[in-house]
């Protein structure tokens, strides 16, 4: 497998890059370079053509997206450009022989509930709607797979992003932390998540697959990570209704499938880091 990794600055992408050195990572131009990683230019069709011609990849693992819900609400056109138009340009130039793995999100759902791969999307935010639009375009390519996951728990490229590094950073700076008390999501450690992504990439499975795991309340998760990493945290609790942009409630990802790659993960409390 010769794979390009687009979006190596995301939590998922970064952990793939550091754990699988054979991947060829690319990061957005506004992110700090790491290990001389190349910069994405997905607004340019000629750049896309040149990269495909240069590397002749067998796979593209696509983790690139803007995931800040509030920023997407403020600037929906920008969210559409990054999260949808970039993918459209990429796929328009991609040979059908190249396998395309798209890392999506549980934000394609919104109402409280448990969801499988055949559940109808019901996003409540601009960000979630952009994910649904991107998934729709990806599925038009027959050699593609959409992978949806919830909260990835692991290190970040800047040491401040994602649930774990956000807690660690703010604890180190003695900063307060606001936790949404009526939010629950399927959470999984990034090491296990990345192993499964690579297994899916090397498989012939197409369509949509969920990274299934029990939904964990965000307060319980924060307290567990605080204890596990011996952090001194000053938690403040708020509800979804107190937030100025749409916020997920209880979203649990389940799966219809029973093959070897589809076994649900245990809770974070029981899983290996």
C-alpha atoms as a PDB file:
ATOM      1  CA  UNK A   1       0.000   0.000   0.000  1.00  0.00           C
ATOM      2  CA  UNK A   2       1.325   3.431  -0.986  1.00  0.00           C
ATOM      3  CA  UNK A   3      -0.884   5.897   0.849  1.00  0.00           C
ATOM      4  CA  UNK A   4      -1.086   9.676   1.007  1.00  0.00           C
ATOM      5  CA  UNK A   5      -2.402  11.001   4.317  1.00  0.00           C
ATOM      6  CA  UNK A   6      -4.307  14.256   3.877  1.00  0.00           C
ATOM      7  CA  UNK A   7      -4.984  16.176   7.091  1.00  0.00           C
ATOM      8  CA  UNK A   8      -2.137  15.016   9.326  1.00  0.00           C
ATOM      9  CA  UNK A   9      -2.809  17.912  11.708  1.00  0.00           C
ATOM     10  CA  UNK A  10      -6.141  16.460  12.870  1.00  0.00           C
ATOM     11  CA  UNK A  11      -6.176  14.197  15.935  1.00  0.00           C
ATOM     12  CA  UNK A  12      -6.820  11.131  13.804  1.00  0.00           C
ATOM     13  CA  UNK A  13      -4.410  12.178  11.050  1.00  0.00           C
ATOM     14  CA  UNK A  14      -1.606  13.097  13.437  1.00  0.00           C
ATOM     15  CA  UNK A  15      -1.794   9.755  15.219  1.00  0.00           C
ATOM     16  CA  UNK A  16      -1.796   7.900  11.915  1.00  0.00           C
ATOM     17  CA  UNK A  17       1.270   9.860  10.813  1.00  0.00           C
ATOM     18  CA  UNK A  18       3.322   9.224  13.949  1.00  0.00           C
ATOM     19  CA  UNK A  19       2.365   5.561  14.224  1.00  0.00           C
ATOM     20  CA  UNK A  20       2.644   4.606  10.546  1.00  0.00           C
ATOM     21  CA  UNK A  21       5.784   6.217   9.090  1.00  0.00           C
ATOM     22  CA  UNK A  22       5.216   4.712   5.637  1.00  0.00           C
ATOM     23  CA  UNK A  23       2.276   7.055   5.164  1.00  0.00           C
ATOM     24  CA  UNK A  24       3.054  10.284   3.293  1.00  0.00           C
ATOM     25  CA  UNK A  25       1.540  13.107   5.396  1.00  0.00           C
ATOM     26  CA  UNK A  26       0.189  16.455   4.246  1.00  0.00           C
ATOM     27  CA  UNK A  27      -1.054  19.275   6.483  1.00  0.00           C
ATOM     28  CA  UNK A  28      -3.074  22.451   5.828  1.00  0.00           C
ATOM     29  CA  UNK A  29      -0.978  25.550   5.087  1.00  0.00           C
ATOM     30  CA  UNK A  30      -2.038  27.290   8.325  1.00  0.00           C
ATOM     31  CA  UNK A  31      -0.595  24.520  10.498  1.00  0.00           C
ATOM     32  CA  UNK A  32       2.945  24.401  11.821  1.00  0.00           C
ATOM     33  CA  UNK A  33       5.173  22.109   9.742  1.00  0.00           C
ATOM     34  CA  UNK A  34       6.154  18.869  11.450  1.00  0.00           C
ATOM     35  CA  UNK A  35       9.018  16.718  10.211  1.00  0.00           C
ATOM     36  CA  UNK A  36       8.973  18.617   6.910  1.00  0.00           C
ATOM     37  CA  UNK A  37       5.440  17.465   6.178  1.00  0.00           C
ATOM     38  CA  UNK A  38       4.139  18.882   2.924  1.00  0.00           C
ATOM     39  CA  UNK A  39       1.333  21.403   2.724  1.00  0.00           C
ATOM     40  CA  UNK A  40      -2.049  20.773   1.163  1.00  0.00           C
ATOM     41  CA  UNK A  41      -3.231  22.950  -1.698  1.00  0.00           C
ATOM     42  CA  UNK A  42      -6.656  21.469  -2.278  1.00  0.00           C
ATOM     43  CA  UNK A  43      -8.005  24.705  -3.711  1.00  0.00           C
ATOM     44  CA  UNK A  44      -5.768  24.023  -6.735  1.00  0.00           C
ATOM     45  CA  UNK A  45      -6.735  21.402  -9.296  1.00  0.00           C
ATOM     46  CA  UNK A  46      -3.256  21.547 -10.838  1.00  0.00           C
ATOM     47  CA  UNK A  47      -1.672  20.799  -7.460  1.00  0.00           C
ATOM     48  CA  UNK A  48      -3.930  17.789  -6.989  1.00  0.00           C
ATOM     49  CA  UNK A  49      -3.008  16.477 -10.429  1.00  0.00           C
ATOM     50  CA  UNK A  50       0.704  16.990  -9.771  1.00  0.00           C
ATOM     51  CA  UNK A  51       0.619  15.147  -6.430  1.00  0.00           C
ATOM     52  CA  UNK A  52      -1.230  12.184  -7.917  1.00  0.00           C
ATOM     53  CA  UNK A  53       1.204  12.055 -10.826  1.00  0.00           C
ATOM     54  CA  UNK A  54       4.240  12.373  -8.549  1.00  0.00           C
ATOM     55  CA  UNK A  55       3.332   9.714  -5.986  1.00  0.00           C
ATOM     56  CA  UNK A  56       1.042   7.368  -7.939  1.00  0.00           C
ATOM     57  CA  UNK A  57      -0.734   6.373  -4.709  1.00  0.00           C
ATOM     58  CA  UNK A  58      -2.756   3.224  -4.247  1.00  0.00           C
ATOM     59  CA  UNK A  59      -4.666   4.810  -1.330  1.00  0.00           C
ATOM     60  CA  UNK A  60      -5.614   8.211   0.026  1.00  0.00           C
ATOM     61  CA  UNK A  61      -6.560   8.427   3.697  1.00  0.00           C
ATOM     62  CA  UNK A  62      -8.463  11.690   4.033  1.00  0.00           C
ATOM     63  CA  UNK A  63      -8.596  13.222   7.533  1.00  0.00           C
ATOM     64  CA  UNK A  64      -8.647  16.854   6.360  1.00  0.00           C
ATOM     65  CA  UNK A  65     -11.545  19.005   7.611  1.00  0.00           C
ATOM     66  CA  UNK A  66     -12.344  21.998   9.746  1.00  0.00           C
ATOM     67  CA  UNK A  67     -14.006  20.575  12.851  1.00  0.00           C
ATOM     68  CA  UNK A  68     -14.611  23.724  14.903  1.00  0.00           C
ATOM     69  CA  UNK A  69     -18.401  23.810  15.195  1.00  0.00           C
ATOM     70  CA  UNK A  70     -18.553  27.459  16.257  1.00  0.00           C
ATOM     71  CA  UNK A  71     -16.322  28.654  13.410  1.00  0.00           C
ATOM     72  CA  UNK A  72     -18.407  26.698  10.918  1.00  0.00           C
ATOM     73  CA  UNK A  73     -21.595  28.343  12.229  1.00  0.00           C
ATOM     74  CA  UNK A  74     -19.975  31.766  11.912  1.00  0.00           C
ATOM     75  CA  UNK A  75     -18.643  31.176   8.403  1.00  0.00           C
ATOM     76  CA  UNK A  76     -20.645  28.490   6.586  1.00  0.00           C
ATOM     77  CA  UNK A  77     -19.167  29.334   3.175  1.00  0.00           C
ATOM     78  CA  UNK A  78     -15.676  28.676   4.535  1.00  0.00           C
ATOM     79  CA  UNK A  79     -16.835  25.386   6.057  1.00  0.00           C
ATOM     80  CA  UNK A  80     -18.362  24.388   2.712  1.00  0.00           C
ATOM     81  CA  UNK A  81     -15.126  25.190   0.876  1.00  0.00           C
ATOM     82  CA  UNK A  82     -12.843  23.243   3.231  1.00  0.00           C
ATOM     83  CA  UNK A  83     -15.092  20.322   4.102  1.00  0.00           C
ATOM     84  CA  UNK A  84     -16.897  19.771   0.804  1.00  0.00           C
ATOM     85  CA  UNK A  85     -15.301  21.609  -2.132  1.00  0.00           C
ATOM     86  CA  UNK A  86     -11.798  20.349  -1.284  1.00  0.00           C
ATOM     87  CA  UNK A  87     -13.044  16.773  -1.409  1.00  0.00           C
ATOM     88  CA  UNK A  88     -14.941  17.369  -4.639  1.00  0.00           C
ATOM     89  CA  UNK A  89     -11.795  18.675  -6.358  1.00  0.00           C
ATOM     90  CA  UNK A  90      -9.786  15.766  -5.018  1.00  0.00           C
ATOM     91  CA  UNK A  91     -12.240  13.122  -6.147  1.00  0.00           C
ATOM     92  CA  UNK A  92     -12.788  14.730  -9.543  1.00  0.00           C
ATOM     93  CA  UNK A  93      -9.098  14.159 -10.306  1.00  0.00           C
ATOM     94  CA  UNK A  94      -8.663  10.802  -8.585  1.00  0.00           C
ATOM     95  CA  UNK A  95      -8.325   7.645 -10.720  1.00  0.00           C
ATOM     96  CA  UNK A  96     -10.939   5.032  -9.819  1.00  0.00           C
ATOM     97  CA  UNK A  97      -8.127   2.606  -9.061  1.00  0.00           C
ATOM     98  CA  UNK A  98      -7.078   4.671  -6.022  1.00  0.00           C
ATOM     99  CA  UNK A  99      -8.827   3.588  -2.834  1.00  0.00           C
ATOM    100  CA  UNK A 100     -10.245   6.564  -0.928  1.00  0.00           C
ATOM    101  CA  UNK A 101     -10.744   6.344   2.845  1.00  0.00           C
ATOM    102  CA  UNK A 102     -12.724   9.266   4.245  1.00  0.00           C
ATOM    103  CA  UNK A 103     -12.662   9.901   7.975  1.00  0.00           C
ATOM    104  CA  UNK A 104     -16.036  11.338   8.949  1.00  0.00           C
ATOM    105  CA  UNK A 105     -17.721  12.119  12.253  1.00  0.00           C
ATOM    106  CA  UNK A 106     -20.637  11.360  14.547  1.00  0.00           C
ATOM    107  CA  UNK A 107     -21.711  14.959  13.883  1.00  0.00           C
ATOM    108  CA  UNK A 108     -23.679  13.661  10.881  1.00  0.00           C
ATOM    109  CA  UNK A 109     -26.230  12.826  13.592  1.00  0.00           C
ATOM    110  CA  UNK A 110     -27.850  15.238  16.020  1.00  0.00           C
ATOM    111  CA  UNK A 111     -30.842  13.910  17.923  1.00  0.00           C
ATOM    112  CA  UNK A 112     -30.084  11.846  21.021  1.00  0.00           C
ATOM    113  CA  UNK A 113     -29.883   8.154  20.178  1.00  0.00           C
ATOM    114  CA  UNK A 114     -27.898   5.154  19.020  1.00  0.00           C
ATOM    115  CA  UNK A 115     -27.030   5.029  15.329  1.00  0.00           C
ATOM    116  CA  UNK A 116     -25.933   2.345  12.881  1.00  0.00           C
ATOM    117  CA  UNK A 117     -24.607   2.675   9.351  1.00  0.00           C
ATOM    118  CA  UNK A 118     -28.100   2.669   7.836  1.00  0.00           C
ATOM    119  CA  UNK A 119     -29.460   5.395  10.146  1.00  0.00           C
ATOM    120  CA  UNK A 120     -30.474   8.524   8.273  1.00  0.00           C
ATOM    121  CA  UNK A 121     -28.181  11.493   8.932  1.00  0.00           C
ATOM    122  CA  UNK A 122     -29.784  14.257  10.988  1.00  0.00           C
ATOM    123  CA  UNK A 123     -27.151  16.951  11.558  1.00  0.00           C
ATOM    124  CA  UNK A 124     -27.929  19.956  13.735  1.00  0.00           C
ATOM    125  CA  UNK A 125     -24.960  22.156  12.797  1.00  0.00           C
ATOM    126  CA  UNK A 126     -23.300  23.645   9.729  1.00  0.00           C
ATOM    127  CA  UNK A 127     -20.329  21.417  10.491  1.00  0.00           C
ATOM    128  CA  UNK A 128     -22.493  18.286  10.593  1.00  0.00           C
ATOM    129  CA  UNK A 129     -24.234  19.232   7.353  1.00  0.00           C
ATOM    130  CA  UNK A 130     -20.874  19.713   5.635  1.00  0.00           C
ATOM    131  CA  UNK A 131     -19.874  16.221   6.736  1.00  0.00           C
ATOM    132  CA  UNK A 132     -23.064  14.749   5.261  1.00  0.00           C
ATOM    133  CA  UNK A 133     -22.438  16.553   1.962  1.00  0.00           C
ATOM    134  CA  UNK A 134     -18.859  15.277   1.860  1.00  0.00           C
ATOM    135  CA  UNK A 135     -19.955  11.706   2.613  1.00  0.00           C
ATOM    136  CA  UNK A 136     -22.500  11.880  -0.217  1.00  0.00           C
ATOM    137  CA  UNK A 137     -19.798  12.871  -2.697  1.00  0.00           C
ATOM    138  CA  UNK A 138     -17.354  10.234  -1.437  1.00  0.00           C
ATOM    139  CA  UNK A 139     -19.909   7.469  -1.863  1.00  0.00           C
ATOM    140  CA  UNK A 140     -20.217   8.308  -5.552  1.00  0.00           C
ATOM    141  CA  UNK A 141     -16.735   6.790  -5.921  1.00  0.00           C
ATOM    142  CA  UNK A 142     -17.082   3.021  -5.958  1.00  0.00           C
ATOM    143  CA  UNK A 143     -13.624   2.377  -4.462  1.00  0.00           C
ATOM    144  CA  UNK A 144     -14.235   4.374  -1.295  1.00  0.00           C
ATOM    145  CA  UNK A 145     -15.038   3.899   2.372  1.00  0.00           C
ATOM    146  CA  UNK A 146     -16.542   6.363   4.850  1.00  0.00           C
ATOM    147  CA  UNK A 147     -15.485   5.748   8.448  1.00  0.00           C
ATOM    148  CA  UNK A 148     -17.442   7.518  11.172  1.00  0.00           C
ATOM    149  CA  UNK A 149     -16.089   7.838  14.697  1.00  0.00           C
ATOM    150  CA  UNK A 150     -16.875   9.856  17.807  1.00  0.00           C
ATOM    151  CA  UNK A 151     -14.281  11.220  20.217  1.00  0.00           C
ATOM    152  CA  UNK A 152     -10.664  10.218  19.523  1.00  0.00           C
ATOM    153  CA  UNK A 153      -8.623  10.216  22.738  1.00  0.00           C
ATOM    154  CA  UNK A 154      -4.939  10.764  22.061  1.00  0.00           C
ATOM    155  CA  UNK A 155      -2.164  13.308  21.448  1.00  0.00           C
ATOM    156  CA  UNK A 156      -2.428  16.290  19.096  1.00  0.00           C
ATOM    157  CA  UNK A 157       0.010  18.046  16.780  1.00  0.00           C
ATOM    158  CA  UNK A 158       0.052  21.233  18.890  1.00  0.00           C
ATOM    159  CA  UNK A 159      -0.305  19.722  22.370  1.00  0.00           C
ATOM    160  CA  UNK A 160      -3.551  21.627  23.015  1.00  0.00           C
ATOM    161  CA  UNK A 161      -6.206  20.135  20.718  1.00  0.00           C
ATOM    162  CA  UNK A 162      -8.568  17.248  21.234  1.00  0.00           C
ATOM    163  CA  UNK A 163     -10.139  16.266  24.520  1.00  0.00           C
ATOM    164  CA  UNK A 164      -7.011  14.753  26.101  1.00  0.00           C
ATOM    165  CA  UNK A 165      -4.432  17.411  25.225  1.00  0.00           C
ATOM    166  CA  UNK A 166      -6.972  20.158  25.942  1.00  0.00           C
ATOM    167  CA  UNK A 167      -7.295  18.823  29.495  1.00  0.00           C
ATOM    168  CA  UNK A 168      -3.530  18.382  29.884  1.00  0.00           C
ATOM    169  CA  UNK A 169      -2.699  21.844  28.548  1.00  0.00           C
ATOM    170  CA  UNK A 170      -5.280  23.708  30.583  1.00  0.00           C
ATOM    171  CA  UNK A 171      -4.294  21.792  33.715  1.00  0.00           C
ATOM    172  CA  UNK A 172      -0.640  22.709  33.142  1.00  0.00           C
ATOM    173  CA  UNK A 173      -1.617  26.379  32.797  1.00  0.00           C
ATOM    174  CA  UNK A 174      -4.066  26.235  35.737  1.00  0.00           C
ATOM    175  CA  UNK A 175      -6.882  27.317  33.447  1.00  0.00           C
ATOM    176  CA  UNK A 176     -10.583  26.520  34.030  1.00  0.00           C
ATOM    177  CA  UNK A 177     -12.270  23.869  31.910  1.00  0.00           C
ATOM    178  CA  UNK A 178     -15.927  23.895  30.906  1.00  0.00           C
ATOM    179  CA  UNK A 179     -17.431  20.419  30.459  1.00  0.00           C
ATOM    180  CA  UNK A 180     -20.845  19.895  28.856  1.00  0.00           C
ATOM    181  CA  UNK A 181     -22.672  17.731  31.362  1.00  0.00           C
ATOM    182  CA  UNK A 182     -25.455  16.491  29.072  1.00  0.00           C
ATOM    183  CA  UNK A 183     -23.196  15.298  26.246  1.00  0.00           C
ATOM    184  CA  UNK A 184     -22.255  11.639  25.726  1.00  0.00           C
ATOM    185  CA  UNK A 185     -20.240  10.320  22.786  1.00  0.00           C
ATOM    186  CA  UNK A 186     -18.592   7.104  21.614  1.00  0.00           C
ATOM    187  CA  UNK A 187     -14.944   7.510  22.598  1.00  0.00           C
ATOM    188  CA  UNK A 188     -11.932   5.446  21.547  1.00  0.00           C
ATOM    189  CA  UNK A 189      -8.189   5.698  22.087  1.00  0.00           C
ATOM    190  CA  UNK A 190      -6.318   6.803  18.986  1.00  0.00           C
ATOM    191  CA  UNK A 191      -3.876   3.866  18.943  1.00  0.00           C
ATOM    192  CA  UNK A 192      -6.735   1.399  18.567  1.00  0.00           C
ATOM    193  CA  UNK A 193      -8.601   3.692  16.190  1.00  0.00           C
ATOM    194  CA  UNK A 194      -5.588   4.021  13.882  1.00  0.00           C
ATOM    195  CA  UNK A 195      -4.930   0.278  13.796  1.00  0.00           C
ATOM    196  CA  UNK A 196      -8.513  -0.278  12.699  1.00  0.00           C
ATOM    197  CA  UNK A 197      -8.355   2.478  10.082  1.00  0.00           C
ATOM    198  CA  UNK A 198      -5.281   0.857   8.550  1.00  0.00           C
ATOM    199  CA  UNK A 199      -7.006  -2.536   8.543  1.00  0.00           C
ATOM    200  CA  UNK A 200      -9.997  -1.000   6.802  1.00  0.00           C
ATOM    201  CA  UNK A 201      -7.743   0.749   4.294  1.00  0.00           C
ATOM    202  CA  UNK A 202      -6.092  -2.533   3.356  1.00  0.00           C
ATOM    203  CA  UNK A 203      -9.444  -4.322   3.078  1.00  0.00           C
ATOM    204  CA  UNK A 204     -11.837  -4.244   0.143  1.00  0.00           C
ATOM    205  CA  UNK A 205     -14.741  -2.969   2.255  1.00  0.00           C
ATOM    206  CA  UNK A 206     -16.624  -0.028   0.749  1.00  0.00           C
ATOM    207  CA  UNK A 207     -19.624   2.038   1.809  1.00  0.00           C
ATOM    208  CA  UNK A 208     -19.929   3.249   5.400  1.00  0.00           C
ATOM    209  CA  UNK A 209     -18.565   1.756   8.599  1.00  0.00           C
ATOM    210  CA  UNK A 210     -18.876   2.942  12.182  1.00  0.00           C
ATOM    211  CA  UNK A 211     -16.218   2.770  14.869  1.00  0.00           C
ATOM    212  CA  UNK A 212     -18.668   1.381  17.401  1.00  0.00           C
ATOM    213  CA  UNK A 213     -18.158   2.042  21.102  1.00  0.00           C
ATOM    214  CA  UNK A 214     -20.376   2.784  24.114  1.00  0.00           C
ATOM    215  CA  UNK A 215     -21.312   6.405  24.625  1.00  0.00           C
ATOM    216  CA  UNK A 216     -19.495   7.983  27.571  1.00  0.00           C
ATOM    217  CA  UNK A 217     -20.731  11.055  29.428  1.00  0.00           C
ATOM    218  CA  UNK A 218     -18.284  13.929  29.023  1.00  0.00           C
ATOM    219  CA  UNK A 219     -18.136  14.614  32.771  1.00  0.00           C
ATOM    220  CA  UNK A 220     -17.313  10.968  33.502  1.00  0.00           C
ATOM    221  CA  UNK A 221     -14.723  10.970  30.723  1.00  0.00           C
ATOM    222  CA  UNK A 222     -13.044  14.156  31.957  1.00  0.00           C
ATOM    223  CA  UNK A 223     -12.860  12.866  35.522  1.00  0.00           C
ATOM    224  CA  UNK A 224     -11.471   9.530  34.346  1.00  0.00           C
ATOM    225  CA  UNK A 225      -8.745  11.182  32.258  1.00  0.00           C
ATOM    226  CA  UNK A 226      -7.964  13.570  35.095  1.00  0.00           C
ATOM    227  CA  UNK A 227      -7.347  10.614  37.392  1.00  0.00           C
ATOM    228  CA  UNK A 228      -5.523   8.501  34.778  1.00  0.00           C
ATOM    229  CA  UNK A 229      -3.046  11.278  33.951  1.00  0.00           C
ATOM    230  CA  UNK A 230      -2.851  12.753  37.455  1.00  0.00           C
ATOM    231  CA  UNK A 231      -4.068  16.173  36.339  1.00  0.00           C
ATOM    232  CA  UNK A 232      -5.094  19.044  38.567  1.00  0.00           C
ATOM    233  CA  UNK A 233      -8.253  20.258  36.866  1.00  0.00           C
ATOM    234  CA  UNK A 234     -10.711  23.020  37.708  1.00  0.00           C
ATOM    235  CA  UNK A 235     -13.933  21.811  36.098  1.00  0.00           C
ATOM    236  CA  UNK A 236     -16.957  23.971  35.420  1.00  0.00           C
ATOM    237  CA  UNK A 237     -20.147  22.328  34.187  1.00  0.00           C
ATOM    238  CA  UNK A 238     -22.645  23.693  31.671  1.00  0.00           C
ATOM    239  CA  UNK A 239     -25.496  22.298  29.588  1.00  0.00           C
ATOM    240  CA  UNK A 240     -25.999  22.216  25.830  1.00  0.00           C
ATOM    241  CA  UNK A 241     -28.733  24.842  26.148  1.00  0.00           C
ATOM    242  CA  UNK A 242     -26.181  27.285  27.572  1.00  0.00           C
ATOM    243  CA  UNK A 243     -23.984  27.103  24.451  1.00  0.00           C
ATOM    244  CA  UNK A 244     -24.209  29.673  21.656  1.00  0.00           C
ATOM    245  CA  UNK A 245     -23.887  27.094  18.857  1.00  0.00           C
ATOM    246  CA  UNK A 246     -25.522  23.684  18.284  1.00  0.00           C
ATOM    247  CA  UNK A 247     -24.078  20.999  20.540  1.00  0.00           C
ATOM    248  CA  UNK A 248     -24.354  17.224  20.385  1.00  0.00           C
ATOM    249  CA  UNK A 249     -26.139  15.392  23.187  1.00  0.00           C
ATOM    250  CA  UNK A 250     -26.045  11.612  23.502  1.00  0.00           C
ATOM    251  CA  UNK A 251     -24.747  10.105  20.269  1.00  0.00           C
ATOM    252  CA  UNK A 252     -23.740   6.450  20.361  1.00  0.00           C
ATOM    253  CA  UNK A 253     -22.234   4.800  17.307  1.00  0.00           C
ATOM    254  CA  UNK A 254     -23.256   1.178  16.800  1.00  0.00           C
ATOM    255  CA  UNK A 255     -22.781  -1.150  13.836  1.00  0.00           C
ATOM    256  CA  UNK A 256     -24.859  -3.459  11.680  1.00  0.00           C
ATOM    257  CA  UNK A 257     -21.871  -5.650  10.882  1.00  0.00           C
ATOM    258  CA  UNK A 258     -20.330  -8.664  12.570  1.00  0.00           C
ATOM    259  CA  UNK A 259     -17.122  -9.259  10.578  1.00  0.00           C
ATOM    260  CA  UNK A 260     -13.679  -9.236  12.173  1.00  0.00           C
ATOM    261  CA  UNK A 261     -13.192  -5.482  11.721  1.00  0.00           C
ATOM    262  CA  UNK A 262     -16.548  -4.508  13.191  1.00  0.00           C
ATOM    263  CA  UNK A 263     -16.264  -5.660  16.793  1.00  0.00           C
ATOM    264  CA  UNK A 264     -17.343  -2.768  19.042  1.00  0.00           C
ATOM    265  CA  UNK A 265     -14.676  -1.278  21.262  1.00  0.00           C
ATOM    266  CA  UNK A 266     -15.074  -1.471  25.044  1.00  0.00           C
ATOM    267  CA  UNK A 267     -15.604   1.684  27.042  1.00  0.00           C
ATOM    268  CA  UNK A 268     -12.606   3.976  27.483  1.00  0.00           C
ATOM    269  CA  UNK A 269     -12.600   2.897  31.132  1.00  0.00           C
ATOM    270  CA  UNK A 270     -11.857  -0.701  30.107  1.00  0.00           C
ATOM    271  CA  UNK A 271      -9.739  -0.175  26.992  1.00  0.00           C
ATOM    272  CA  UNK A 272      -5.958  -0.170  26.646  1.00  0.00           C
ATOM    273  CA  UNK A 273      -4.462   3.259  26.001  1.00  0.00           C
END
